Amino acid sequence: MPLSGEKKKEIIEKFGKDAKDSGSTEAQIALLTQRIRDLTEHVKVHKKDNHSRHGLVKLVSQRKKLMKYLIKTNPESYTKLIKDLGIRG
């Protein structure tokens, strides 16, 4: 379930350092969060889709690792990001 190009570009512009900065930790976490939200809705509808559920767990784990890195390197950016995204930290 990939993100559309427009949605991805919008997220990168909002959370990246500039419009083309898709590699920053903040932008990666924001993109993962959007994919997690989309996949969560899919899993709620299709309860027996265990392959997608496994992918969802992997995405959450990847986001958790990135958030752990961000809190060590830039705590101010971490608190701003979790507030903007509306996720628990």
N, C-alpha and C. Protein backbone atom coordinates (compact mmCIF):
# COMPACT_ATOMS: atom_id res chain seq x y z
N MET A 1 0.83 -1.18 0.00
CA MET A 1 0.00 0.00 0.00
C MET A 1 0.88 1.25 0.00
N PRO A 2 1.44 1.59 -1.12
CA PRO A 2 2.32 2.75 -1.17
C PRO A 2 1.53 4.05 -1.09
N LEU A 3 2.23 5.08 -0.66
CA LEU A 3 1.63 6.40 -0.62
C LEU A 3 1.61 6.99 -2.02
N SER A 4 0.62 7.84 -2.30
CA SER A 4 0.60 8.51 -3.59
C SER A 4 1.73 9.54 -3.65
N GLY A 5 2.12 9.89 -4.85
CA GLY A 5 3.22 10.83 -5.03
C GLY A 5 2.94 12.19 -4.43
N GLU A 6 1.71 12.66 -4.59
CA GLU A 6 1.36 13.98 -4.06
C GLU A 6 1.39 13.99 -2.53
N LYS A 7 0.86 12.93 -1.93
CA LYS A 7 0.82 12.83 -0.47
C LYS A 7 2.24 12.75 0.09
N LYS A 8 3.10 11.97 -0.57
CA LYS A 8 4.48 11.82 -0.12
C LYS A 8 5.21 13.16 -0.22
N LYS A 9 5.01 13.86 -1.33
CA LYS A 9 5.66 15.15 -1.52
C LYS A 9 5.20 16.16 -0.48
N GLU A 10 3.92 16.14 -0.17
CA GLU A 10 3.35 17.04 0.85
C GLU A 10 3.97 16.78 2.23
N ILE A 11 4.10 15.52 2.59
CA ILE A 11 4.68 15.16 3.89
C ILE A 11 6.15 15.57 3.94
N ILE A 12 6.89 15.34 2.86
CA ILE A 12 8.31 15.70 2.84
C ILE A 12 8.49 17.21 2.94
N GLU A 13 7.64 17.98 2.26
CA GLU A 13 7.74 19.44 2.34
C GLU A 13 7.45 19.94 3.75
N LYS A 14 6.52 19.28 4.43
CA LYS A 14 6.14 19.72 5.76
C LYS A 14 7.19 19.36 6.82
N PHE A 15 7.73 18.14 6.76
CA PHE A 15 8.61 17.65 7.82
C PHE A 15 10.09 17.64 7.45
N GLY A 16 10.42 17.69 6.17
CA GLY A 16 11.83 17.71 5.77
C GLY A 16 12.44 19.08 5.95
N LYS A 17 13.74 19.15 5.79
CA LYS A 17 14.42 20.44 5.93
C LYS A 17 14.14 21.34 4.73
N ASP A 18 13.92 20.75 3.55
CA ASP A 18 13.47 21.49 2.38
C ASP A 18 12.57 20.57 1.55
N ALA A 19 12.17 21.01 0.37
CA ALA A 19 11.19 20.26 -0.41
C ALA A 19 11.72 18.94 -0.95
N LYS A 20 13.03 18.80 -1.06
CA LYS A 20 13.61 17.58 -1.62
C LYS A 20 14.28 16.70 -0.58
N ASP A 21 14.16 17.04 0.69
CA ASP A 21 14.86 16.32 1.75
C ASP A 21 14.00 15.18 2.29
N SER A 22 14.07 14.04 1.60
CA SER A 22 13.30 12.88 2.05
C SER A 22 14.12 11.99 2.98
N GLY A 23 15.39 12.30 3.17
CA GLY A 23 16.26 11.45 3.96
C GLY A 23 16.38 11.84 5.41
N SER A 24 15.86 13.01 5.78
CA SER A 24 15.98 13.41 7.18
C SER A 24 15.16 12.48 8.06
N THR A 25 15.58 12.34 9.27
CA THR A 25 14.91 11.44 10.20
C THR A 25 13.45 11.84 10.41
N GLU A 26 13.20 13.15 10.52
CA GLU A 26 11.84 13.64 10.73
C GLU A 26 10.93 13.27 9.57
N ALA A 27 11.43 13.44 8.34
CA ALA A 27 10.63 13.11 7.16
C ALA A 27 10.37 11.61 7.08
N GLN A 28 11.38 10.81 7.39
CA GLN A 28 11.20 9.36 7.35
C GLN A 28 10.17 8.90 8.37
N ILE A 29 10.22 9.47 9.57
CA ILE A 29 9.24 9.11 10.61
C ILE A 29 7.84 9.52 10.18
N ALA A 30 7.71 10.69 9.58
CA ALA A 30 6.39 11.16 9.13
C ALA A 30 5.84 10.27 8.03
N LEU A 31 6.69 9.86 7.09
CA LEU A 31 6.24 8.97 6.02
C LEU A 31 5.84 7.60 6.58
N LEU A 32 6.62 7.08 7.50
CA LEU A 32 6.27 5.80 8.12
C LEU A 32 4.96 5.90 8.89
N THR A 33 4.76 7.02 9.57
CA THR A 33 3.53 7.21 10.34
C THR A 33 2.31 7.18 9.43
N GLN A 34 2.41 7.83 8.27
CA GLN A 34 1.28 7.82 7.34
C GLN A 34 1.03 6.41 6.80
N ARG A 35 2.09 5.69 6.48
CA ARG A 35 1.92 4.31 6.00
C ARG A 35 1.32 3.43 7.09
N ILE A 36 1.73 3.64 8.34
CA ILE A 36 1.20 2.86 9.46
C ILE A 36 -0.28 3.14 9.63
N ARG A 37 -0.67 4.40 9.52
CA ARG A 37 -2.10 4.74 9.66
C ARG A 37 -2.93 4.11 8.56
N ASP A 38 -2.44 4.14 7.32
CA ASP A 38 -3.17 3.53 6.21
C ASP A 38 -3.28 2.02 6.39
N LEU A 39 -2.20 1.40 6.79
CA LEU A 39 -2.19 -0.05 6.96
C LEU A 39 -3.04 -0.48 8.16
N THR A 40 -3.10 0.36 9.18
CA THR A 40 -3.94 0.05 10.34
C THR A 40 -5.41 0.01 9.93
N GLU A 41 -5.82 0.96 9.10
CA GLU A 41 -7.20 0.96 8.61
C GLU A 41 -7.48 -0.28 7.77
N HIS A 42 -6.51 -0.69 6.96
CA HIS A 42 -6.67 -1.88 6.14
C HIS A 42 -6.84 -3.13 7.01
N VAL A 43 -6.02 -3.23 8.06
CA VAL A 43 -6.05 -4.41 8.93
C VAL A 43 -7.34 -4.44 9.74
N LYS A 44 -7.90 -3.27 10.07
CA LYS A 44 -9.18 -3.25 10.79
C LYS A 44 -10.30 -3.82 9.93
N VAL A 45 -10.26 -3.56 8.63
CA VAL A 45 -11.29 -4.06 7.73
C VAL A 45 -11.07 -5.53 7.41
N HIS A 46 -9.81 -5.89 7.10
CA HIS A 46 -9.47 -7.26 6.71
C HIS A 46 -8.76 -7.94 7.87
N LYS A 47 -9.53 -8.48 8.76
CA LYS A 47 -9.00 -9.00 10.01
C LYS A 47 -8.11 -10.24 9.84
N LYS A 48 -8.29 -10.98 8.77
CA LYS A 48 -7.52 -12.21 8.59
C LYS A 48 -6.29 -12.03 7.70
N ASP A 49 -5.99 -10.82 7.34
CA ASP A 49 -4.84 -10.52 6.49
C ASP A 49 -3.58 -10.46 7.35
N ASN A 50 -3.02 -11.62 7.65
CA ASN A 50 -1.87 -11.69 8.54
C ASN A 50 -0.58 -11.21 7.89
N HIS A 51 -0.48 -11.28 6.57
CA HIS A 51 0.72 -10.78 5.89
C HIS A 51 0.83 -9.26 6.05
N SER A 52 -0.27 -8.57 5.89
CA SER A 52 -0.25 -7.11 6.07
C SER A 52 -0.03 -6.75 7.53
N ARG A 53 -0.56 -7.54 8.43
CA ARG A 53 -0.36 -7.30 9.86
C ARG A 53 1.12 -7.43 10.21
N HIS A 54 1.79 -8.43 9.63
CA HIS A 54 3.22 -8.61 9.85
C HIS A 54 4.01 -7.41 9.32
N GLY A 55 3.63 -6.92 8.13
CA GLY A 55 4.27 -5.73 7.58
C GLY A 55 4.06 -4.51 8.45
N LEU A 56 2.88 -4.41 9.04
CA LEU A 56 2.58 -3.29 9.94
C LEU A 56 3.48 -3.33 11.17
N VAL A 57 3.68 -4.50 11.73
CA VAL A 57 4.55 -4.64 12.90
C VAL A 57 5.99 -4.24 12.53
N LYS A 58 6.44 -4.61 11.34
CA LYS A 58 7.78 -4.24 10.90
C LYS A 58 7.92 -2.73 10.74
N LEU A 59 6.89 -2.08 10.19
CA LEU A 59 6.93 -0.63 10.02
C LEU A 59 6.96 0.08 11.37
N VAL A 60 6.18 -0.40 12.32
CA VAL A 60 6.16 0.20 13.65
C VAL A 60 7.53 0.05 14.30
N SER A 61 8.15 -1.10 14.12
CA SER A 61 9.48 -1.33 14.69
C SER A 61 10.52 -0.40 14.06
N GLN A 62 10.43 -0.22 12.75
CA GLN A 62 11.36 0.67 12.06
C GLN A 62 11.19 2.11 12.53
N ARG A 63 9.93 2.54 12.69
CA ARG A 63 9.67 3.90 13.17
C ARG A 63 10.18 4.08 14.60
N LYS A 64 10.02 3.05 15.42
CA LYS A 64 10.48 3.12 16.80
C LYS A 64 12.00 3.30 16.86
N LYS A 65 12.73 2.59 16.00
CA LYS A 65 14.18 2.72 15.95
C LYS A 65 14.59 4.13 15.52
N LEU A 66 13.89 4.68 14.51
CA LEU A 66 14.21 6.03 14.06
C LEU A 66 13.90 7.06 15.14
N MET A 67 12.82 6.85 15.88
CA MET A 67 12.47 7.78 16.95
C MET A 67 13.49 7.70 18.09
N LYS A 68 13.99 6.51 18.36
CA LYS A 68 15.02 6.35 19.39
C LYS A 68 16.29 7.09 18.99
N TYR A 69 16.65 7.01 17.72
CA TYR A 69 17.81 7.74 17.21
C TYR A 69 17.59 9.25 17.31
N LEU A 70 16.39 9.70 16.95
CA LEU A 70 16.11 11.13 16.95
C LEU A 70 16.12 11.70 18.36
N ILE A 71 15.60 10.98 19.33
CA ILE A 71 15.59 11.51 20.70
C ILE A 71 17.01 11.61 21.26
N LYS A 72 17.91 10.73 20.79
CA LYS A 72 19.30 10.82 21.24
C LYS A 72 20.03 12.00 20.59
N THR A 73 19.76 12.23 19.32
CA THR A 73 20.51 13.25 18.59
C THR A 73 19.89 14.64 18.68
N ASN A 74 18.55 14.73 18.71
CA ASN A 74 17.90 16.04 18.69
C ASN A 74 16.58 15.98 19.47
N PRO A 75 16.62 16.10 20.80
CA PRO A 75 15.41 15.95 21.61
C PRO A 75 14.34 17.01 21.33
N GLU A 76 14.74 18.24 20.96
CA GLU A 76 13.76 19.28 20.68
C GLU A 76 12.95 18.93 19.44
N SER A 77 13.63 18.45 18.42
CA SER A 77 12.95 18.06 17.19
C SER A 77 12.03 16.87 17.45
N TYR A 78 12.45 15.97 18.33
CA TYR A 78 11.65 14.79 18.68
C TYR A 78 10.32 15.21 19.31
N THR A 79 10.38 16.11 20.29
CA THR A 79 9.14 16.51 20.97
C THR A 79 8.22 17.26 20.02
N LYS A 80 8.79 18.09 19.14
CA LYS A 80 7.97 18.82 18.17
C LYS A 80 7.32 17.84 17.18
N LEU A 81 8.07 16.84 16.76
CA LEU A 81 7.57 15.88 15.78
C LEU A 81 6.42 15.04 16.34
N ILE A 82 6.57 14.52 17.56
CA ILE A 82 5.50 13.69 18.12
C ILE A 82 4.25 14.52 18.40
N LYS A 83 4.44 15.80 18.68
CA LYS A 83 3.28 16.68 18.88
C LYS A 83 2.57 16.93 17.55
N ASP A 84 3.36 17.20 16.49
CA ASP A 84 2.77 17.46 15.17
C ASP A 84 2.08 16.24 14.59
N LEU A 85 2.68 15.07 14.79
CA LEU A 85 2.10 13.84 14.23
C LEU A 85 0.98 13.25 15.09
N GLY A 86 0.95 13.65 16.35
CA GLY A 86 -0.09 13.12 17.24
C GLY A 86 0.15 11.67 17.62
N ILE A 87 1.42 11.31 17.86
CA ILE A 87 1.73 9.95 18.27
C ILE A 87 2.34 9.98 19.65
N ARG A 88 2.32 8.82 20.30
CA ARG A 88 2.94 8.71 21.61
C ARG A 88 4.43 8.57 21.43
N GLY A 89 5.18 9.13 22.38
CA GLY A 89 6.63 9.07 22.25
C GLY A 89 7.28 8.15 23.19
